[in-house]
Each structure stands twice: as C-alpha cells, then as structure tokens.
C-alpha cells in the first residue's frame, strides 16, 4: 500500500477521472481532481502534490502549457496521459517538463507501476539529500539541521561545513580539503575562514542538548565529525 502520497489527477473526462481516483484510492493514495488546466495550476501551487497525473487535451489551458508553467515552481513528477499516439506529442510533453508519458486507454496496472516508479525515484533522490544521525537530520536542499525535531540555527556557511564533515563521518577531513571544497582554492597556510566556521559550528552543536555527535579537531590532521568520545580512538 502507498503511504498517503498525494496525487493530483488533471482530467476533464469526469468518468475517467472518477475511475482513476477510485483505483488510486483503493491503493492507498490521496487523490484530488482538477477538470481544467487553469484550476490545475492553482492546485499544484497551493497543494504541492507528490505527483501530477496530467491529461494533454484540457479546456482553458492544455496539458503542455500547464506542465511548462508548473515547472517554474513545481519540481515533483508529472506523468502525462493522452489519446495522442504520435512521437511528436510525446517529445513535446517531455520537452515541456514531463517525467513520463502514458497513452490512452489507460491500463490500471501500468498506471500504478509508472506512479510507483516515479515516486520511488523522488524518494531515492530525497534520501541522497539527507543525512541522519540519531535525532539529528541534515537536509542539503533546505540547508537545514533538525535535532530532536527542533531546528538548529546555522547560516549557510556553517551548514556547508557540517554537511561536508558529516558526509564523511568517522573520517578525518583535512583543512586543505575543507578550504578546497568550501572556498574553491588550495589552502595557503594563512586563510582562517574555515577555522572560524568550524569554531562557530562546534559551539552551536555543543549548545544543542543531548547531542552525542561532535566536531573534533585532530591536531595536525584536520577535523572529524564523530560520536562523542570516538575521536580518542582516532588520535
């Protein structure tokens, strides 16, 4: 069963929209329906569905235009469905920003498989943008850190340091590597900006209650993000 993912069905054929909605509801999805292209754009912007199932031939705005406009503010998967069977229509849909394309008549098992595949791909991509250490969650897209469900106040520079160290947790990251990754040039032995970032980051992490993960300074080698106490074994 799906875990409550929200699908917006954009289809002006009421009977088809109802059939698709009922089928997806039976498989655990949350479903809303738009019968016009302009309404669909409003709903995408307001509701941010997990996936948009979009018919091409729509009143007011066709699916190609809806997709193109939606892509200016919506990054979720868009699955086209249409009675058009010419290659040019498929290419036009993909060029407009669609992720996949189904031709009518819609086969329910194929529809479900395509939806699952698109949502799984999004989930995989989101996981690559997250690091989790116990109660601490780092999100690279939002540049945010949450500890025990409370946000940690980091600026973008401090987050970049933490992300780089945490993505190599348990491994010493040299000052040279930090400077190269964060500043874009080799360490010249004089630049102290990275050290300042690390110092500010360490202070904020220390102020976070019950957080066992720390940034350790490994003398002569660099910095290490590790479980509190683990650094002694590396020294």
C-alpha atoms as a PDB file:
ATOM      1  CA  UNK A   1       0.000   0.000   0.000  1.00  0.00           C
ATOM      2  CA  UNK A   2       1.052   3.588  -0.611  1.00  0.00           C
ATOM      3  CA  UNK A   3       1.849   5.751   2.388  1.00  0.00           C
ATOM      4  CA  UNK A   4      -0.648   8.516   1.769  1.00  0.00           C
ATOM      5  CA  UNK A   5       1.113  10.128  -1.200  1.00  0.00           C
ATOM      6  CA  UNK A   6      -0.984  12.878  -2.745  1.00  0.00           C
ATOM      7  CA  UNK A   7      -1.755  12.616  -6.456  1.00  0.00           C
ATOM      8  CA  UNK A   8      -3.451  15.375  -8.423  1.00  0.00           C
ATOM      9  CA  UNK A   9      -5.438  13.965 -11.351  1.00  0.00           C
ATOM     10  CA  UNK A  10      -5.914  16.561 -14.100  1.00  0.00           C
ATOM     11  CA  UNK A  11      -8.590  15.187 -16.426  1.00  0.00           C
ATOM     12  CA  UNK A  12     -11.690  16.781 -17.963  1.00  0.00           C
ATOM     13  CA  UNK A  13     -13.368  13.442 -18.694  1.00  0.00           C
ATOM     14  CA  UNK A  14     -15.348  13.109 -15.461  1.00  0.00           C
ATOM     15  CA  UNK A  15     -15.972   9.375 -15.738  1.00  0.00           C
ATOM     16  CA  UNK A  16     -12.302   8.657 -16.403  1.00  0.00           C
ATOM     17  CA  UNK A  17     -11.210  10.961 -13.588  1.00  0.00           C
ATOM     18  CA  UNK A  18     -13.559   9.166 -11.192  1.00  0.00           C
ATOM     19  CA  UNK A  19     -12.300   5.748 -12.293  1.00  0.00           C
ATOM     20  CA  UNK A  20      -8.656   6.749 -11.830  1.00  0.00           C
ATOM     21  CA  UNK A  21      -9.410   8.369  -8.470  1.00  0.00           C
ATOM     22  CA  UNK A  22     -11.231   5.290  -7.167  1.00  0.00           C
ATOM     23  CA  UNK A  23      -8.453   2.995  -8.365  1.00  0.00           C
ATOM     24  CA  UNK A  24      -5.710   5.070  -6.739  1.00  0.00           C
ATOM     25  CA  UNK A  25      -7.707   5.456  -3.522  1.00  0.00           C
ATOM     26  CA  UNK A  26      -8.007   1.673  -3.345  1.00  0.00           C
ATOM     27  CA  UNK A  27      -4.206   1.510  -3.446  1.00  0.00           C
ATOM     28  CA  UNK A  28      -3.749   3.931  -0.567  1.00  0.00           C
ATOM     29  CA  UNK A  29      -3.131   7.234  -2.335  1.00  0.00           C
ATOM     30  CA  UNK A  30      -4.707  10.575  -1.523  1.00  0.00           C
ATOM     31  CA  UNK A  31      -6.348  11.977  -4.659  1.00  0.00           C
ATOM     32  CA  UNK A  32      -7.653  15.345  -5.772  1.00  0.00           C
ATOM     33  CA  UNK A  33      -9.040  16.174  -9.213  1.00  0.00           C
ATOM     34  CA  UNK A  34      -8.873  19.225 -11.470  1.00  0.00           C
ATOM     35  CA  UNK A  35     -11.005  19.405 -14.612  1.00  0.00           C
ATOM     36  CA  UNK A  36      -9.384  22.495 -16.180  1.00  0.00           C
ATOM     37  CA  UNK A  37      -5.811  23.476 -16.844  1.00  0.00           C
ATOM     38  CA  UNK A  38      -6.016  26.811 -15.019  1.00  0.00           C
ATOM     39  CA  UNK A  39      -7.514  25.116 -11.954  1.00  0.00           C
ATOM     40  CA  UNK A  40      -4.744  22.530 -12.072  1.00  0.00           C
ATOM     41  CA  UNK A  41      -2.038  25.205 -11.897  1.00  0.00           C
ATOM     42  CA  UNK A  42      -3.703  26.777  -8.866  1.00  0.00           C
ATOM     43  CA  UNK A  43      -3.956  23.415  -7.110  1.00  0.00           C
ATOM     44  CA  UNK A  44      -0.352  22.475  -7.887  1.00  0.00           C
ATOM     45  CA  UNK A  45       0.832  25.775  -6.430  1.00  0.00           C
ATOM     46  CA  UNK A  46      -1.375  25.589  -3.334  1.00  0.00           C
ATOM     47  CA  UNK A  47      -1.285  21.869  -2.505  1.00  0.00           C
ATOM     48  CA  UNK A  48       2.136  20.782  -3.843  1.00  0.00           C
ATOM     49  CA  UNK A  49       1.027  17.213  -4.657  1.00  0.00           C
ATOM     50  CA  UNK A  50       3.556  14.399  -4.647  1.00  0.00           C
ATOM     51  CA  UNK A  51       2.729  13.618  -8.293  1.00  0.00           C
ATOM     52  CA  UNK A  52       0.619  15.174 -11.046  1.00  0.00           C
ATOM     53  CA  UNK A  53      -1.220  12.910 -13.484  1.00  0.00           C
ATOM     54  CA  UNK A  54      -1.870  15.266 -16.369  1.00  0.00           C
ATOM     55  CA  UNK A  55      -4.117  14.908 -19.411  1.00  0.00           C
ATOM     56  CA  UNK A  56      -2.977  16.763 -22.528  1.00  0.00           C
ATOM     57  CA  UNK A  57      -6.309  17.825 -24.026  1.00  0.00           C
ATOM     58  CA  UNK A  58      -7.713  20.143 -21.364  1.00  0.00           C
ATOM     59  CA  UNK A  59     -10.037  23.175 -21.503  1.00  0.00           C
ATOM     60  CA  UNK A  60      -8.690  26.705 -20.916  1.00  0.00           C
ATOM     61  CA  UNK A  61      -5.032  25.503 -20.775  1.00  0.00           C
ATOM     62  CA  UNK A  62      -3.806  22.309 -22.416  1.00  0.00           C
ATOM     63  CA  UNK A  63      -1.517  19.892 -20.628  1.00  0.00           C
ATOM     64  CA  UNK A  64       1.615  21.084 -22.421  1.00  0.00           C
ATOM     65  CA  UNK A  65       1.069  24.657 -21.218  1.00  0.00           C
ATOM     66  CA  UNK A  66       0.159  23.504 -17.706  1.00  0.00           C
ATOM     67  CA  UNK A  67       3.310  21.427 -17.476  1.00  0.00           C
ATOM     68  CA  UNK A  68       5.552  24.189 -18.791  1.00  0.00           C
ATOM     69  CA  UNK A  69       4.119  26.773 -16.373  1.00  0.00           C
ATOM     70  CA  UNK A  70       4.116  24.362 -13.438  1.00  0.00           C
ATOM     71  CA  UNK A  71       7.799  23.656 -13.936  1.00  0.00           C
ATOM     72  CA  UNK A  72       8.586  27.251 -12.948  1.00  0.00           C
ATOM     73  CA  UNK A  73       7.576  26.452  -9.349  1.00  0.00           C
ATOM     74  CA  UNK A  74       6.933  22.695  -9.046  1.00  0.00           C
ATOM     75  CA  UNK A  75       9.655  20.045  -9.004  1.00  0.00           C
ATOM     76  CA  UNK A  76       7.585  16.918  -8.368  1.00  0.00           C
ATOM     77  CA  UNK A  77       6.980  14.226 -11.004  1.00  0.00           C
ATOM     78  CA  UNK A  78       4.499  14.900 -13.805  1.00  0.00           C
ATOM     79  CA  UNK A  79       3.038  11.926 -15.668  1.00  0.00           C
ATOM     80  CA  UNK A  80       1.300  12.762 -18.943  1.00  0.00           C
ATOM     81  CA  UNK A  81      -1.655  10.741 -20.180  1.00  0.00           C
ATOM     82  CA  UNK A  82      -3.201  11.359 -23.585  1.00  0.00           C
ATOM     83  CA  UNK A  83      -5.024   9.817 -26.516  1.00  0.00           C
ATOM     84  CA  UNK A  84      -2.331  11.192 -28.845  1.00  0.00           C
ATOM     85  CA  UNK A  85      -0.045   8.466 -30.154  1.00  0.00           C
ATOM     86  CA  UNK A  86       2.360  10.388 -32.396  1.00  0.00           C
ATOM     87  CA  UNK A  87       6.018  10.589 -31.364  1.00  0.00           C
ATOM     88  CA  UNK A  88       5.946  14.361 -31.758  1.00  0.00           C
ATOM     89  CA  UNK A  89       3.379  14.690 -28.972  1.00  0.00           C
ATOM     90  CA  UNK A  90       5.456  12.550 -26.621  1.00  0.00           C
ATOM     91  CA  UNK A  91       8.567  14.594 -27.357  1.00  0.00           C
ATOM     92  CA  UNK A  92       6.640  17.824 -26.871  1.00  0.00           C
ATOM     93  CA  UNK A  93       5.397  16.603 -23.494  1.00  0.00           C
ATOM     94  CA  UNK A  94       8.846  15.590 -22.322  1.00  0.00           C
ATOM     95  CA  UNK A  95      10.292  18.874 -23.556  1.00  0.00           C
ATOM     96  CA  UNK A  96       7.633  20.707 -21.523  1.00  0.00           C
ATOM     97  CA  UNK A  97       8.971  19.021 -18.399  1.00  0.00           C
ATOM     98  CA  UNK A  98       7.034  15.775 -18.044  1.00  0.00           C
ATOM     99  CA  UNK A  99       8.774  12.805 -16.434  1.00  0.00           C
ATOM    100  CA  UNK A 100       6.841  10.046 -18.184  1.00  0.00           C
ATOM    101  CA  UNK A 101       4.095   9.513 -20.728  1.00  0.00           C
ATOM    102  CA  UNK A 102       1.102   7.160 -20.946  1.00  0.00           C
ATOM    103  CA  UNK A 103      -1.259   6.761 -23.896  1.00  0.00           C
ATOM    104  CA  UNK A 104      -4.969   6.065 -23.533  1.00  0.00           C
ATOM    105  CA  UNK A 105      -6.709   3.770 -22.959  1.00  0.00           C
ATOM    106  CA  UNK A 106      -5.000   3.672 -19.578  1.00  0.00           C
ATOM    107  CA  UNK A 107      -4.205   0.214 -18.255  1.00  0.00           C
ATOM    108  CA  UNK A 108      -4.565   0.309 -14.479  1.00  0.00           C
ATOM    109  CA  UNK A 109      -1.584  -1.939 -13.655  1.00  0.00           C
ATOM    110  CA  UNK A 110       0.687   0.064 -15.947  1.00  0.00           C
ATOM    111  CA  UNK A 111      -0.534   3.354 -14.472  1.00  0.00           C
ATOM    112  CA  UNK A 112       0.149   2.114 -10.958  1.00  0.00           C
ATOM    113  CA  UNK A 113       3.597   0.817 -11.900  1.00  0.00           C
ATOM    114  CA  UNK A 114       4.585   4.127 -13.507  1.00  0.00           C
ATOM    115  CA  UNK A 115       3.372   6.106 -10.487  1.00  0.00           C
ATOM    116  CA  UNK A 116       5.286   3.873  -8.080  1.00  0.00           C
ATOM    117  CA  UNK A 117       8.443   4.149 -10.166  1.00  0.00           C
ATOM    118  CA  UNK A 118       8.298   7.948 -10.292  1.00  0.00           C
ATOM    119  CA  UNK A 119       7.605   8.286  -6.566  1.00  0.00           C
ATOM    120  CA  UNK A 120      10.359   5.800  -5.755  1.00  0.00           C
ATOM    121  CA  UNK A 121      12.816   7.826  -7.833  1.00  0.00           C
ATOM    122  CA  UNK A 122      11.867  11.003  -5.990  1.00  0.00           C
ATOM    123  CA  UNK A 123      12.265   9.220  -2.656  1.00  0.00           C
ATOM    124  CA  UNK A 124      15.721   7.967  -3.641  1.00  0.00           C
ATOM    125  CA  UNK A 125      16.776  11.453  -4.686  1.00  0.00           C
ATOM    126  CA  UNK A 126      15.471  12.957  -1.440  1.00  0.00           C
ATOM    127  CA  UNK A 127      17.376  10.404   0.611  1.00  0.00           C
ATOM    128  CA  UNK A 128      20.581  11.429  -1.126  1.00  0.00           C
ATOM    129  CA  UNK A 129      19.899  14.954   0.106  1.00  0.00           C
ATOM    130  CA  UNK A 130      19.558  13.868   3.733  1.00  0.00           C
ATOM    131  CA  UNK A 131      21.920  12.634   6.414  1.00  0.00           C
ATOM    132  CA  UNK A 132      20.546  11.190   9.627  1.00  0.00           C
ATOM    133  CA  UNK A 133      22.476  10.726  12.865  1.00  0.00           C
ATOM    134  CA  UNK A 134      20.154   9.606  15.621  1.00  0.00           C
ATOM    135  CA  UNK A 135      17.890  12.562  16.390  1.00  0.00           C
ATOM    136  CA  UNK A 136      19.790  14.874  14.037  1.00  0.00           C
ATOM    137  CA  UNK A 137      18.677  15.267  10.416  1.00  0.00           C
ATOM    138  CA  UNK A 138      20.598  17.307   7.838  1.00  0.00           C
ATOM    139  CA  UNK A 139      18.829  18.359   4.648  1.00  0.00           C
ATOM    140  CA  UNK A 140      21.082  19.595   1.851  1.00  0.00           C
ATOM    141  CA  UNK A 141      18.265  21.048  -0.245  1.00  0.00           C
ATOM    142  CA  UNK A 142      16.915  23.253   2.534  1.00  0.00           C
ATOM    143  CA  UNK A 143      20.345  23.661   4.168  1.00  0.00           C
ATOM    144  CA  UNK A 144      18.655  22.843   7.456  1.00  0.00           C
ATOM    145  CA  UNK A 145      19.515  20.850  10.564  1.00  0.00           C
ATOM    146  CA  UNK A 146      16.889  19.478  12.934  1.00  0.00           C
ATOM    147  CA  UNK A 147      17.771  17.980  16.319  1.00  0.00           C
ATOM    148  CA  UNK A 148      15.047  16.292  18.351  1.00  0.00           C
ATOM    149  CA  UNK A 149      12.548  17.884  15.929  1.00  0.00           C
ATOM    150  CA  UNK A 150      13.915  21.359  16.732  1.00  0.00           C
ATOM    151  CA  UNK A 151      15.738  23.420  14.085  1.00  0.00           C
ATOM    152  CA  UNK A 152      19.380  24.286  14.724  1.00  0.00           C
ATOM    153  CA  UNK A 153      20.178  27.873  13.794  1.00  0.00           C
ATOM    154  CA  UNK A 154      23.036  27.626  11.283  1.00  0.00           C
ATOM    155  CA  UNK A 155      23.904  30.017   8.499  1.00  0.00           C
ATOM    156  CA  UNK A 156      24.682  28.679   5.030  1.00  0.00           C
ATOM    157  CA  UNK A 157      28.455  28.680   5.597  1.00  0.00           C
ATOM    158  CA  UNK A 158      28.166  26.748   8.856  1.00  0.00           C
ATOM    159  CA  UNK A 159      25.808  24.260   7.253  1.00  0.00           C
ATOM    160  CA  UNK A 160      28.212  23.653   4.374  1.00  0.00           C
ATOM    161  CA  UNK A 161      30.971  22.798   6.848  1.00  0.00           C
ATOM    162  CA  UNK A 162      28.727  20.436   8.784  1.00  0.00           C
ATOM    163  CA  UNK A 163      27.439  18.735   5.625  1.00  0.00           C
ATOM    164  CA  UNK A 164      30.948  18.118   4.340  1.00  0.00           C
ATOM    165  CA  UNK A 165      32.163  16.729   7.674  1.00  0.00           C
ATOM    166  CA  UNK A 166      29.005  14.700   8.338  1.00  0.00           C
ATOM    167  CA  UNK A 167      29.006  13.194   4.850  1.00  0.00           C
ATOM    168  CA  UNK A 168      32.410  11.757   5.779  1.00  0.00           C
ATOM    169  CA  UNK A 169      31.520  10.900   9.366  1.00  0.00           C
ATOM    170  CA  UNK A 170      34.250   8.942  11.102  1.00  0.00           C
ATOM    171  CA  UNK A 171      36.868  10.116   8.605  1.00  0.00           C
ATOM    172  CA  UNK A 172      39.326  12.943   9.191  1.00  0.00           C
ATOM    173  CA  UNK A 173      38.856  15.806   6.735  1.00  0.00           C
ATOM    174  CA  UNK A 174      41.958  17.915   6.285  1.00  0.00           C
ATOM    175  CA  UNK A 175      41.950  21.692   6.362  1.00  0.00           C
ATOM    176  CA  UNK A 176      43.209  21.615   2.769  1.00  0.00           C
ATOM    177  CA  UNK A 177      40.153  19.638   1.662  1.00  0.00           C
ATOM    178  CA  UNK A 178      37.761  21.884   3.557  1.00  0.00           C
ATOM    179  CA  UNK A 179      39.241  25.021   2.026  1.00  0.00           C
ATOM    180  CA  UNK A 180      39.220  23.497  -1.471  1.00  0.00           C
ATOM    181  CA  UNK A 181      35.593  22.358  -1.176  1.00  0.00           C
ATOM    182  CA  UNK A 182      34.217  25.423   0.583  1.00  0.00           C
ATOM    183  CA  UNK A 183      36.377  28.222  -0.776  1.00  0.00           C
ATOM    184  CA  UNK A 184      37.406  26.872  -4.177  1.00  0.00           C
ATOM    185  CA  UNK A 185      41.157  27.219  -3.818  1.00  0.00           C
ATOM    186  CA  UNK A 186      44.033  25.414  -2.157  1.00  0.00           C
ATOM    187  CA  UNK A 187      44.864  26.220   1.453  1.00  0.00           C
ATOM    188  CA  UNK A 188      47.712  28.758   1.595  1.00  0.00           C
ATOM    189  CA  UNK A 189      48.500  28.344   5.268  1.00  0.00           C
ATOM    190  CA  UNK A 190      47.055  31.772   6.066  1.00  0.00           C
ATOM    191  CA  UNK A 191      43.311  31.613   5.411  1.00  0.00           C
ATOM    192  CA  UNK A 192      41.488  31.132   8.727  1.00  0.00           C
ATOM    193  CA  UNK A 193      37.888  31.474   7.470  1.00  0.00           C
ATOM    194  CA  UNK A 194      37.248  27.733   7.601  1.00  0.00           C
ATOM    195  CA  UNK A 195      38.599  27.533  11.141  1.00  0.00           C
ATOM    196  CA  UNK A 196      36.194  30.295  12.168  1.00  0.00           C
ATOM    197  CA  UNK A 197      33.278  28.442  10.568  1.00  0.00           C
ATOM    198  CA  UNK A 198      34.232  25.229  12.365  1.00  0.00           C
ATOM    199  CA  UNK A 199      34.571  27.051  15.686  1.00  0.00           C
ATOM    200  CA  UNK A 200      31.110  28.629  15.366  1.00  0.00           C
ATOM    201  CA  UNK A 201      29.600  25.341  14.247  1.00  0.00           C
ATOM    202  CA  UNK A 202      31.175  23.432  17.131  1.00  0.00           C
ATOM    203  CA  UNK A 203      29.815  25.944  19.645  1.00  0.00           C
ATOM    204  CA  UNK A 204      26.275  25.636  18.307  1.00  0.00           C
ATOM    205  CA  UNK A 205      26.445  21.840  18.337  1.00  0.00           C
ATOM    206  CA  UNK A 206      27.722  21.878  21.903  1.00  0.00           C
ATOM    207  CA  UNK A 207      24.790  24.058  22.918  1.00  0.00           C
ATOM    208  CA  UNK A 208      22.336  21.533  21.454  1.00  0.00           C
ATOM    209  CA  UNK A 209      21.070  19.384  24.326  1.00  0.00           C
ATOM    210  CA  UNK A 210      21.779  15.638  24.406  1.00  0.00           C
ATOM    211  CA  UNK A 211      23.618  15.574  21.074  1.00  0.00           C
ATOM    212  CA  UNK A 212      26.298  12.880  21.088  1.00  0.00           C
ATOM    213  CA  UNK A 213      27.805  13.949  17.753  1.00  0.00           C
ATOM    214  CA  UNK A 214      30.650  16.437  17.850  1.00  0.00           C
ATOM    215  CA  UNK A 215      33.190  18.095  15.570  1.00  0.00           C
ATOM    216  CA  UNK A 216      36.647  17.186  16.852  1.00  0.00           C
ATOM    217  CA  UNK A 217      39.944  18.816  15.972  1.00  0.00           C
ATOM    218  CA  UNK A 218      42.569  16.206  15.163  1.00  0.00           C
ATOM    219  CA  UNK A 219      45.848  18.037  15.709  1.00  0.00           C
ATOM    220  CA  UNK A 220      47.982  18.223  12.611  1.00  0.00           C
ATOM    221  CA  UNK A 221      45.430  16.342  10.527  1.00  0.00           C
ATOM    222  CA  UNK A 222      42.119  18.189  10.328  1.00  0.00           C
ATOM    223  CA  UNK A 223      38.594  17.798  11.602  1.00  0.00           C
ATOM    224  CA  UNK A 224      36.409  14.809  12.408  1.00  0.00           C
ATOM    225  CA  UNK A 225      32.648  14.501  12.777  1.00  0.00           C
ATOM    226  CA  UNK A 226      32.026  11.612  15.137  1.00  0.00           C
ATOM    227  CA  UNK A 227      30.078  10.226  18.041  1.00  0.00           C
ATOM    228  CA  UNK A 228      31.256  11.923  21.237  1.00  0.00           C
ATOM    229  CA  UNK A 229      34.268  10.062  22.592  1.00  0.00           C
ATOM    230  CA  UNK A 230      35.061   8.249  19.350  1.00  0.00           C
ATOM    231  CA  UNK A 231      37.806  10.722  18.460  1.00  0.00           C
ATOM    232  CA  UNK A 232      40.052   9.426  21.217  1.00  0.00           C
ATOM    233  CA  UNK A 233      40.377   6.150  19.311  1.00  0.00           C
ATOM    234  CA  UNK A 234      41.460   8.058  16.178  1.00  0.00           C
ATOM    235  CA  UNK A 235      44.065  10.187  17.916  1.00  0.00           C
END
